[in-house]
Each structure stands twice: as C-alpha cells, then as structure tokens.
Amino acid sequence: MKSVHPIDPLQFIFFELGNIPEDYQENPMRAGFFEIVWLINTEAETEDYMYLIPLYRLSKLNLENKKGCLIAFKRDYLEEDDKEYALDVFNLFNMNGQYTGFRVSPGMRETLQNIRRLLEKEYTHPMGTYLIIKALLKVFLLNLIRMNQDYFLNQELNQKRVYQFILLMDENYKTERKADFYSSKMGISEKRINQILKEKMNRTLTQLLHERLVVEANRMLIGGEFTIKEIAFDLNFEDPAYFSRFYKKHTGRTPEDFKKHHLT
C-alpha cells in the first residue's frame, strides 16, 4: 500500500552527517533548499552548534568527522499563507549574511532531539507522509525562532522588505532585470532597496538577480532535459551566445563545460 501523501526526496532531505553523499555539497541543486546543519556534541553539558544556510547560498562547510544531521527542505514545506511564520523562518536563515550560526543549549537540545527523532522516523517510514514531515518541521523551526527570540523582538521593517524582494525576485527574475521594476513594486527608491539588500544580505539587487539566474541555469543544465539554446531563451536572454558570456563571467566556466562535468 502506498502513502497517500508521499515524501518527495526532491523537496525534503534528511541525512546523518556521516552518510551525506560525497558529491552533495558540490551539487548546485542544493541552492533551492533551506539547509539546517546540526553539529551534535556528545558531551552532555556542552552546547551543540547549528548552521542555517538560506536559499541560493552555496556555503560549503567542513563536516568531516562531525556528528549530527542535515535537514534540507524546499519552500513548499513552509506554510507561506501564514505570512508571519514564513517571514520569521526567512529571517532565521538570514540573520547573519551568508549563513546563520548559533549555539544550542543542552536544554533546547533535548527538545530538538525529540523532534529530530520523529522527523527521521517519518522520513524513513515506508508509509511516510509529507504532511507529518511538514508539521514536525514547523515545530522544529518554531523552537529555533523562540530560541532566538531576542533577535525576533527587534525585527525591523527592512527585514520584511528583504523578504518582499526575495518573493518578487522568485516570481519575476526571468523577465525583470531592472532595479526600477522591484523598487516601484515595493514603493521605495532603487537606492534604498540596494542599501537594505547590501546591509542585510551583503549583495546588491543586481548581484542577487544574477546569482538567481545562475542557480536556475545550473538546475536546468544538470537536469539534462534542455539544450543550452533552450535554457538561454527560457531565461529570457537575447541569444545563446549572450547567455554563455553571462554564465562564464559569473561562474568562470562555460555552460557546456558545466553540463559535461555533471553529466559524465
């Protein structure tokens, strides 16, 4: 008998750190996931450490000989109709630029371990369902948000503007490459949105758009379903040669080289 709501491994991933595939950290498909890397300290009275890696940031961590787990999930696993919760999760992952890192006290570790065990059990269950995974993940994330409540009590308008921009970019990055489109949608000046993005994400609007285009190009190249010409036109480049120049400028290699490397 099959699960009515099966867990999609392209949407949610759980690994013990010792069992992460060797090529996982090199896979550009990671960029579409929120990642939680939990380093567990085996000494009872010692704090654990947790890294949270946001969408479209490919931070590579040294996980060799480390104990703990990796939890990765797509935005589909958030209840984005609950705007405040989705915003809090976004801010949790973007507290400190490229990735967020913080200590987990022994008291909080016990609570999170209980949720983690339930997540792992559901993930490996033959009848596992994404509805339970999604509910457990929400409880896990809400505990992390509560643990960092001092930060969330001091949330400011600019955090909400960053979140607003990310949503707009995800919807429009293929066709809208100009700052004035986003600034007019958000009701603030181009200069101000760039100041906010630089402060909160250490990137300009244009840099974030270009990174998003490269992430999508990588996803399509690895999928192997599209030619480079088709990818160029899907991403709204004038011609494949222009796309190839753009791609090489931002990655240091041609789309052909990247595709060959990942499909051989």
C-alpha atoms as a PDB file:
ATOM      1  CA  MET A   1       0.000   0.000   0.000  1.00  0.00           C
ATOM      2  CA  LYS A   2       1.399   3.387  -0.998  1.00  0.00           C
ATOM      3  CA  SER A   3       1.366   6.544   1.112  1.00  0.00           C
ATOM      4  CA  VAL A   4      -1.368   8.978   0.087  1.00  0.00           C
ATOM      5  CA  HIS A   5       0.999  11.933   0.509  1.00  0.00           C
ATOM      6  CA  PRO A   6       4.487  10.502  -0.086  1.00  0.00           C
ATOM      7  CA  ILE A   7       7.647  12.381   0.855  1.00  0.00           C
ATOM      8  CA  ASP A   8       9.372  13.788  -2.217  1.00  0.00           C
ATOM      9  CA  PRO A   9      13.198  13.488  -1.890  1.00  0.00           C
ATOM     10  CA  LEU A  10      13.478  16.465  -4.251  1.00  0.00           C
ATOM     11  CA  GLN A  11      11.622  18.564  -1.656  1.00  0.00           C
ATOM     12  CA  PHE A  12      12.872  17.256   1.699  1.00  0.00           C
ATOM     13  CA  ILE A  13      16.162  15.582   2.703  1.00  0.00           C
ATOM     14  CA  PHE A  14      17.423  14.077   5.953  1.00  0.00           C
ATOM     15  CA  PHE A  15      20.982  12.745   6.353  1.00  0.00           C
ATOM     16  CA  GLU A  16      23.164  11.778   9.257  1.00  0.00           C
ATOM     17  CA  LEU A  17      26.368  13.766   8.687  1.00  0.00           C
ATOM     18  CA  GLY A  18      28.367  10.571   8.233  1.00  0.00           C
ATOM     19  CA  ASN A  19      26.025   9.437   5.444  1.00  0.00           C
ATOM     20  CA  ILE A  20      25.915  12.553   3.246  1.00  0.00           C
ATOM     21  CA  PRO A  21      26.809  11.592  -0.346  1.00  0.00           C
ATOM     22  CA  GLU A  22      30.272  12.804  -1.336  1.00  0.00           C
ATOM     23  CA  ASP A  23      29.001  14.994  -4.143  1.00  0.00           C
ATOM     24  CA  TYR A  24      26.151  16.572  -2.166  1.00  0.00           C
ATOM     25  CA  GLN A  25      27.926  19.807  -1.246  1.00  0.00           C
ATOM     26  CA  GLU A  26      29.067  20.282  -4.857  1.00  0.00           C
ATOM     27  CA  ASN A  27      25.575  19.856  -6.284  1.00  0.00           C
ATOM     28  CA  PRO A  28      24.103  23.196  -7.459  1.00  0.00           C
ATOM     29  CA  MET A  29      20.623  21.784  -6.838  1.00  0.00           C
ATOM     30  CA  ARG A  30      21.330  22.477  -3.140  1.00  0.00           C
ATOM     31  CA  ALA A  31      20.742  26.162  -3.807  1.00  0.00           C
ATOM     32  CA  GLY A  32      16.984  25.620  -3.911  1.00  0.00           C
ATOM     33  CA  PHE A  33      16.928  24.260  -0.345  1.00  0.00           C
ATOM     34  CA  PHE A  34      16.922  25.772   3.106  1.00  0.00           C
ATOM     35  CA  GLU A  35      19.584  23.731   4.947  1.00  0.00           C
ATOM     36  CA  ILE A  36      19.952  23.038   8.653  1.00  0.00           C
ATOM     37  CA  VAL A  37      23.323  21.546   9.635  1.00  0.00           C
ATOM     38  CA  TRP A  38      23.261  20.410  13.258  1.00  0.00           C
ATOM     39  CA  LEU A  39      26.620  19.580  14.831  1.00  0.00           C
ATOM     40  CA  ILE A  40      25.964  17.464  17.903  1.00  0.00           C
ATOM     41  CA  ASN A  41      28.387  17.474  20.814  1.00  0.00           C
ATOM     42  CA  THR A  42      28.458  14.129  22.592  1.00  0.00           C
ATOM     43  CA  GLU A  43      29.276  15.666  25.990  1.00  0.00           C
ATOM     44  CA  ALA A  44      26.049  16.185  27.947  1.00  0.00           C
ATOM     45  CA  GLU A  45      26.799  19.626  29.374  1.00  0.00           C
ATOM     46  CA  THR A  46      28.352  21.066  26.203  1.00  0.00           C
ATOM     47  CA  GLU A  47      26.408  23.143  23.697  1.00  0.00           C
ATOM     48  CA  ASP A  48      25.703  21.941  20.166  1.00  0.00           C
ATOM     49  CA  TYR A  49      26.154  24.215  17.183  1.00  0.00           C
ATOM     50  CA  MET A  50      23.754  24.775  14.317  1.00  0.00           C
ATOM     51  CA  TYR A  51      24.254  26.338  10.871  1.00  0.00           C
ATOM     52  CA  LEU A  52      21.317  27.558   8.810  1.00  0.00           C
ATOM     53  CA  ILE A  53      22.046  28.080   5.112  1.00  0.00           C
ATOM     54  CA  PRO A  54      19.460  30.148   3.194  1.00  0.00           C
ATOM     55  CA  LEU A  55      18.135  29.636  -0.311  1.00  0.00           C
ATOM     56  CA  TYR A  56      20.517  30.386  -3.184  1.00  0.00           C
ATOM     57  CA  ARG A  57      23.607  30.450  -0.963  1.00  0.00           C
ATOM     58  CA  LEU A  58      26.014  27.557  -1.570  1.00  0.00           C
ATOM     59  CA  SER A  59      28.111  27.694   1.585  1.00  0.00           C
ATOM     60  CA  LYS A  60      30.467  24.744   1.880  1.00  0.00           C
ATOM     61  CA  LEU A  61      31.033  23.573   5.442  1.00  0.00           C
ATOM     62  CA  ASN A  62      33.719  21.248   6.733  1.00  0.00           C
ATOM     63  CA  LEU A  63      31.672  18.294   8.000  1.00  0.00           C
ATOM     64  CA  GLU A  64      34.422  15.685   8.045  1.00  0.00           C
ATOM     65  CA  ASN A  65      34.347  13.516  11.190  1.00  0.00           C
ATOM     66  CA  LYS A  66      31.467  15.570  12.590  1.00  0.00           C
ATOM     67  CA  LYS A  67      28.446  14.036  14.314  1.00  0.00           C
ATOM     68  CA  GLY A  68      24.960  15.349  13.717  1.00  0.00           C
ATOM     69  CA  CYS A  69      22.476  15.673  10.907  1.00  0.00           C
ATOM     70  CA  LEU A  70      21.480  17.659   7.849  1.00  0.00           C
ATOM     71  CA  ILE A  71      17.860  18.668   7.261  1.00  0.00           C
ATOM     72  CA  ALA A  72      17.120  20.333   3.925  1.00  0.00           C
ATOM     73  CA  PHE A  73      13.765  21.453   2.557  1.00  0.00           C
ATOM     74  CA  LYS A  74      12.190  23.470  -0.233  1.00  0.00           C
ATOM     75  CA  ARG A  75       9.925  26.444   0.328  1.00  0.00           C
ATOM     76  CA  ASP A  76       6.942  24.203  -0.418  1.00  0.00           C
ATOM     77  CA  TYR A  77       7.443  22.790   3.084  1.00  0.00           C
ATOM     78  CA  LEU A  78       6.678  26.181   4.620  1.00  0.00           C
ATOM     79  CA  GLU A  79       3.140  27.406   5.076  1.00  0.00           C
ATOM     80  CA  GLU A  80       3.620  30.598   3.114  1.00  0.00           C
ATOM     81  CA  ASP A  81      -0.029  31.523   3.552  1.00  0.00           C
ATOM     82  CA  ASP A  82       0.977  32.078   7.202  1.00  0.00           C
ATOM     83  CA  LYS A  83       2.967  35.189   6.325  1.00  0.00           C
ATOM     84  CA  GLU A  84       4.348  35.923   9.782  1.00  0.00           C
ATOM     85  CA  TYR A  85       5.675  32.383  10.208  1.00  0.00           C
ATOM     86  CA  ALA A  86       7.196  32.335   6.703  1.00  0.00           C
ATOM     87  CA  LEU A  87       8.826  35.718   7.356  1.00  0.00           C
ATOM     88  CA  ASP A  88      10.223  34.508  10.693  1.00  0.00           C
ATOM     89  CA  VAL A  89      11.732  31.437   9.004  1.00  0.00           C
ATOM     90  CA  PHE A  90      13.241  33.576   6.259  1.00  0.00           C
ATOM     91  CA  ASN A  91      14.735  35.922   8.857  1.00  0.00           C
ATOM     92  CA  LEU A  92      16.001  32.992  10.938  1.00  0.00           C
ATOM     93  CA  PHE A  93      18.032  31.754   7.979  1.00  0.00           C
ATOM     94  CA  ASN A  94      19.226  35.251   7.080  1.00  0.00           C
ATOM     95  CA  MET A  95      20.281  36.549  10.483  1.00  0.00           C
ATOM     96  CA  ASN A  96      23.971  36.704   9.565  1.00  0.00           C
ATOM     97  CA  GLY A  97      24.605  37.150   5.853  1.00  0.00           C
ATOM     98  CA  GLN A  98      25.941  34.097   4.012  1.00  0.00           C
ATOM     99  CA  TYR A  99      24.628  31.728   6.677  1.00  0.00           C
ATOM    100  CA  THR A 100      23.417  31.846  10.271  1.00  0.00           C
ATOM    101  CA  GLY A 101      25.249  30.091  13.078  1.00  0.00           C
ATOM    102  CA  PHE A 102      24.332  29.805  16.744  1.00  0.00           C
ATOM    103  CA  ARG A 103      24.808  27.624  19.795  1.00  0.00           C
ATOM    104  CA  VAL A 104      22.143  25.202  21.029  1.00  0.00           C
ATOM    105  CA  SER A 105      21.947  24.894  24.811  1.00  0.00           C
ATOM    106  CA  PRO A 106      21.711  21.446  26.435  1.00  0.00           C
ATOM    107  CA  GLY A 107      18.115  22.211  27.487  1.00  0.00           C
ATOM    108  CA  MET A 108      16.984  23.142  23.980  1.00  0.00           C
ATOM    109  CA  ARG A 109      18.968  20.222  22.542  1.00  0.00           C
ATOM    110  CA  GLU A 110      16.722  17.729  24.342  1.00  0.00           C
ATOM    111  CA  THR A 111      13.572  19.286  22.842  1.00  0.00           C
ATOM    112  CA  LEU A 112      15.058  19.443  19.351  1.00  0.00           C
ATOM    113  CA  GLN A 113      16.394  15.877  19.589  1.00  0.00           C
ATOM    114  CA  ASN A 114      12.889  14.603  20.314  1.00  0.00           C
ATOM    115  CA  ILE A 115      11.531  16.366  17.207  1.00  0.00           C
ATOM    116  CA  ARG A 116      14.516  15.231  15.152  1.00  0.00           C
ATOM    117  CA  ARG A 117      13.900  11.583  16.064  1.00  0.00           C
ATOM    118  CA  LEU A 118      10.280  11.892  14.941  1.00  0.00           C
ATOM    119  CA  LEU A 119      11.378  13.557  11.678  1.00  0.00           C
ATOM    120  CA  GLU A 120      13.885  10.794  10.952  1.00  0.00           C
ATOM    121  CA  LYS A 121      11.372   8.070  11.826  1.00  0.00           C
ATOM    122  CA  GLU A 122       8.764   9.559   9.490  1.00  0.00           C
ATOM    123  CA  TYR A 123      11.320  10.165   6.734  1.00  0.00           C
ATOM    124  CA  THR A 124      12.439   6.527   6.737  1.00  0.00           C
ATOM    125  CA  HIS A 125       8.980   5.008   7.243  1.00  0.00           C
ATOM    126  CA  PRO A 126       7.645   3.107   4.176  1.00  0.00           C
ATOM    127  CA  MET A 127       4.339   4.952   4.603  1.00  0.00           C
ATOM    128  CA  GLY A 128       5.950   8.286   5.479  1.00  0.00           C
ATOM    129  CA  THR A 129       3.916  11.334   4.535  1.00  0.00           C
ATOM    130  CA  TYR A 130       4.988  14.882   3.796  1.00  0.00           C
ATOM    131  CA  LEU A 131       2.032  16.181   5.867  1.00  0.00           C
ATOM    132  CA  ILE A 132       3.605  14.837   9.065  1.00  0.00           C
ATOM    133  CA  ILE A 133       7.103  15.944   7.975  1.00  0.00           C
ATOM    134  CA  LYS A 134       5.769  19.440   7.309  1.00  0.00           C
ATOM    135  CA  ALA A 135       4.064  19.604  10.731  1.00  0.00           C
ATOM    136  CA  LEU A 136       7.174  18.345  12.569  1.00  0.00           C
ATOM    137  CA  LEU A 137       9.406  20.712  10.631  1.00  0.00           C
ATOM    138  CA  LYS A 138       7.202  23.640  11.655  1.00  0.00           C
ATOM    139  CA  VAL A 139       7.500  22.655  15.333  1.00  0.00           C
ATOM    140  CA  PHE A 140      11.291  22.335  14.920  1.00  0.00           C
ATOM    141  CA  LEU A 141      11.599  25.755  13.256  1.00  0.00           C
ATOM    142  CA  LEU A 142       9.294  27.469  15.749  1.00  0.00           C
ATOM    143  CA  ASN A 143      11.548  26.225  18.548  1.00  0.00           C
ATOM    144  CA  LEU A 144      14.564  27.720  16.773  1.00  0.00           C
ATOM    145  CA  ILE A 145      12.704  31.001  16.349  1.00  0.00           C
ATOM    146  CA  ARG A 146      11.770  31.017  20.036  1.00  0.00           C
ATOM    147  CA  MET A 147      15.381  30.247  20.973  1.00  0.00           C
ATOM    148  CA  ASN A 148      16.411  33.362  19.055  1.00  0.00           C
ATOM    149  CA  GLN A 149      13.507  35.456  20.322  1.00  0.00           C
ATOM    150  CA  ASP A 150      15.688  38.447  21.259  1.00  0.00           C
ATOM    151  CA  TYR A 151      16.562  38.790  17.596  1.00  0.00           C
ATOM    152  CA  PHE A 152      12.931  38.490  16.532  1.00  0.00           C
ATOM    153  CA  LEU A 153      11.714  41.006  19.103  1.00  0.00           C
ATOM    154  CA  ASN A 154      14.000  43.501  17.390  1.00  0.00           C
ATOM    155  CA  GLN A 155      12.906  42.729  13.852  1.00  0.00           C
ATOM    156  CA  GLU A 156      12.631  45.804  11.737  1.00  0.00           C
ATOM    157  CA  LEU A 157      10.809  46.919   8.631  1.00  0.00           C
ATOM    158  CA  ASN A 158      13.894  46.333   6.496  1.00  0.00           C
ATOM    159  CA  GLN A 159      13.811  42.584   7.210  1.00  0.00           C
ATOM    160  CA  LYS A 160      10.293  42.494   5.814  1.00  0.00           C
ATOM    161  CA  ARG A 161      11.459  44.414   2.765  1.00  0.00           C
ATOM    162  CA  VAL A 162      14.189  41.836   2.097  1.00  0.00           C
ATOM    163  CA  TYR A 163      11.591  39.079   2.315  1.00  0.00           C
ATOM    164  CA  GLN A 164       9.290  41.020  -0.009  1.00  0.00           C
ATOM    165  CA  PHE A 165      12.118  41.433  -2.507  1.00  0.00           C
ATOM    166  CA  ILE A 166      13.009  37.709  -2.443  1.00  0.00           C
ATOM    167  CA  LEU A 167       9.389  36.783  -3.203  1.00  0.00           C
ATOM    168  CA  LEU A 168       9.228  39.331  -6.032  1.00  0.00           C
ATOM    169  CA  MET A 169      12.546  38.138  -7.441  1.00  0.00           C
ATOM    170  CA  ASP A 170      11.441  34.499  -7.427  1.00  0.00           C
ATOM    171  CA  GLU A 171       8.339  35.397  -9.407  1.00  0.00           C
ATOM    172  CA  ASN A 172       9.989  37.750 -11.906  1.00  0.00           C
ATOM    173  CA  TYR A 173      13.742  37.118 -12.215  1.00  0.00           C
ATOM    174  CA  LYS A 174      13.469  35.543 -15.668  1.00  0.00           C
ATOM    175  CA  THR A 175      11.894  38.598 -17.234  1.00  0.00           C
ATOM    176  CA  GLU A 176      12.640  41.570 -14.954  1.00  0.00           C
ATOM    177  CA  ARG A 177      16.313  42.509 -14.548  1.00  0.00           C
ATOM    178  CA  LYS A 178      15.986  46.237 -13.747  1.00  0.00           C
ATOM    179  CA  ALA A 179      16.017  47.668 -10.249  1.00  0.00           C
ATOM    180  CA  ASP A 180      13.220  50.136 -11.050  1.00  0.00           C
ATOM    181  CA  PHE A 181      10.721  47.277 -11.525  1.00  0.00           C
ATOM    182  CA  TYR A 182      11.353  45.981  -7.998  1.00  0.00           C
ATOM    183  CA  SER A 183      11.606  49.381  -6.339  1.00  0.00           C
ATOM    184  CA  SER A 184       8.307  50.519  -7.880  1.00  0.00           C
ATOM    185  CA  LYS A 185       6.582  47.289  -6.761  1.00  0.00           C
ATOM    186  CA  MET A 186       7.924  47.812  -3.235  1.00  0.00           C
ATOM    187  CA  GLY A 187       7.218  51.543  -3.131  1.00  0.00           C
ATOM    188  CA  ILE A 188      10.780  52.633  -2.263  1.00  0.00           C
ATOM    189  CA  SER A 189      13.668  54.076  -4.273  1.00  0.00           C
ATOM    190  CA  GLU A 190      16.247  51.971  -6.134  1.00  0.00           C
ATOM    191  CA  LYS A 191      18.963  53.475  -3.957  1.00  0.00           C
ATOM    192  CA  ARG A 192      17.138  52.500  -0.760  1.00  0.00           C
ATOM    193  CA  ILE A 193      16.417  48.897  -1.776  1.00  0.00           C
ATOM    194  CA  ASN A 194      20.083  48.465  -2.683  1.00  0.00           C
ATOM    195  CA  GLN A 195      21.151  49.908   0.680  1.00  0.00           C
ATOM    196  CA  ILE A 196      18.836  47.476   2.502  1.00  0.00           C
ATOM    197  CA  LEU A 197      19.977  44.432   0.496  1.00  0.00           C
ATOM    198  CA  LYS A 198      23.624  45.364   0.965  1.00  0.00           C
ATOM    199  CA  GLU A 199      23.128  45.723   4.711  1.00  0.00           C
ATOM    200  CA  LYS A 200      21.056  42.568   5.222  1.00  0.00           C
ATOM    201  CA  MET A 201      22.419  40.191   2.562  1.00  0.00           C
ATOM    202  CA  ASN A 202      25.761  41.740   1.583  1.00  0.00           C
ATOM    203  CA  ARG A 203      24.568  41.799  -2.040  1.00  0.00           C
ATOM    204  CA  THR A 204      23.153  44.398  -4.389  1.00  0.00           C
ATOM    205  CA  LEU A 205      19.853  43.811  -6.152  1.00  0.00           C
ATOM    206  CA  THR A 206      21.660  43.108  -9.426  1.00  0.00           C
ATOM    207  CA  GLN A 207      24.052  40.633  -7.782  1.00  0.00           C
ATOM    208  CA  LEU A 208      21.122  38.724  -6.260  1.00  0.00           C
ATOM    209  CA  LEU A 209      19.305  38.613  -9.599  1.00  0.00           C
ATOM    210  CA  HIS A 210      22.414  37.346 -11.383  1.00  0.00           C
ATOM    211  CA  GLU A 211      23.022  34.691  -8.715  1.00  0.00           C
ATOM    212  CA  ARG A 212      19.414  33.548  -9.056  1.00  0.00           C
ATOM    213  CA  LEU A 213      19.773  33.246 -12.836  1.00  0.00           C
ATOM    214  CA  VAL A 214      22.939  31.166 -12.452  1.00  0.00           C
ATOM    215  CA  VAL A 215      21.237  28.875  -9.912  1.00  0.00           C
ATOM    216  CA  GLU A 216      18.345  28.258 -12.312  1.00  0.00           C
ATOM    217  CA  ALA A 217      20.709  27.758 -15.245  1.00  0.00           C
ATOM    218  CA  ASN A 218      22.662  25.187 -13.215  1.00  0.00           C
ATOM    219  CA  ARG A 219      19.456  23.373 -12.291  1.00  0.00           C
ATOM    220  CA  MET A 220      18.402  23.144 -15.938  1.00  0.00           C
ATOM    221  CA  LEU A 221      21.878  22.153 -17.133  1.00  0.00           C
ATOM    222  CA  ILE A 222      22.100  19.325 -14.599  1.00  0.00           C
ATOM    223  CA  GLY A 223      18.585  18.132 -15.415  1.00  0.00           C
ATOM    224  CA  GLY A 224      19.807  17.380 -18.938  1.00  0.00           C
ATOM    225  CA  GLU A 225      16.353  17.904 -20.453  1.00  0.00           C
ATOM    226  CA  PHE A 226      17.150  21.186 -22.218  1.00  0.00           C
ATOM    227  CA  THR A 227      19.704  22.353 -24.742  1.00  0.00           C
ATOM    228  CA  ILE A 228      21.785  25.414 -23.917  1.00  0.00           C
ATOM    229  CA  LYS A 229      19.806  27.324 -26.540  1.00  0.00           C
ATOM    230  CA  GLU A 230      16.526  26.368 -24.852  1.00  0.00           C
ATOM    231  CA  ILE A 231      17.888  27.386 -21.449  1.00  0.00           C
ATOM    232  CA  ALA A 232      19.032  30.747 -22.820  1.00  0.00           C
ATOM    233  CA  PHE A 233      15.591  31.521 -24.217  1.00  0.00           C
ATOM    234  CA  ASP A 234      13.780  30.222 -21.115  1.00  0.00           C
ATOM    235  CA  LEU A 235      15.850  32.643 -19.022  1.00  0.00           C
ATOM    236  CA  ASN A 236      14.996  35.447 -21.459  1.00  0.00           C
ATOM    237  CA  PHE A 237      18.462  36.048 -22.928  1.00  0.00           C
ATOM    238  CA  GLU A 238      18.565  37.570 -26.392  1.00  0.00           C
ATOM    239  CA  ASP A 239      20.635  34.721 -27.816  1.00  0.00           C
ATOM    240  CA  PRO A 240      22.633  31.682 -26.619  1.00  0.00           C
ATOM    241  CA  ALA A 241      25.985  33.429 -27.144  1.00  0.00           C
ATOM    242  CA  TYR A 242      24.983  36.253 -24.783  1.00  0.00           C
ATOM    243  CA  PHE A 243      23.812  33.688 -22.220  1.00  0.00           C
ATOM    244  CA  SER A 244      27.130  31.802 -22.487  1.00  0.00           C
ATOM    245  CA  ARG A 245      29.120  35.008 -21.939  1.00  0.00           C
ATOM    246  CA  PHE A 246      26.963  35.918 -18.929  1.00  0.00           C
ATOM    247  CA  TYR A 247      27.328  32.422 -17.471  1.00  0.00           C
ATOM    248  CA  LYS A 248      31.098  32.310 -17.903  1.00  0.00           C
ATOM    249  CA  LYS A 249      31.518  35.771 -16.408  1.00  0.00           C
ATOM    250  CA  HIS A 250      29.716  34.678 -13.239  1.00  0.00           C
ATOM    251  CA  THR A 251      30.994  31.115 -12.879  1.00  0.00           C
ATOM    252  CA  GLY A 252      34.362  31.042 -14.637  1.00  0.00           C
ATOM    253  CA  ARG A 253      33.304  28.235 -16.980  1.00  0.00           C
ATOM    254  CA  THR A 254      31.054  27.822 -19.988  1.00  0.00           C
ATOM    255  CA  PRO A 255      27.612  26.187 -19.745  1.00  0.00           C
ATOM    256  CA  GLU A 256      28.940  23.394 -21.968  1.00  0.00           C
ATOM    257  CA  ASP A 257      31.808  22.682 -19.542  1.00  0.00           C
ATOM    258  CA  PHE A 258      29.481  22.697 -16.546  1.00  0.00           C
ATOM    259  CA  LYS A 259      26.976  20.399 -18.223  1.00  0.00           C
ATOM    260  CA  LYS A 260      29.682  17.973 -19.385  1.00  0.00           C
ATOM    261  CA  HIS A 261      31.221  17.832 -15.912  1.00  0.00           C
ATOM    262  CA  HIS A 262      27.920  16.980 -14.203  1.00  0.00           C
ATOM    263  CA  LEU A 263      26.571  14.558 -16.794  1.00  0.00           C
ATOM    264  CA  THR A 264      29.683  12.378 -17.113  1.00  0.00           C
END
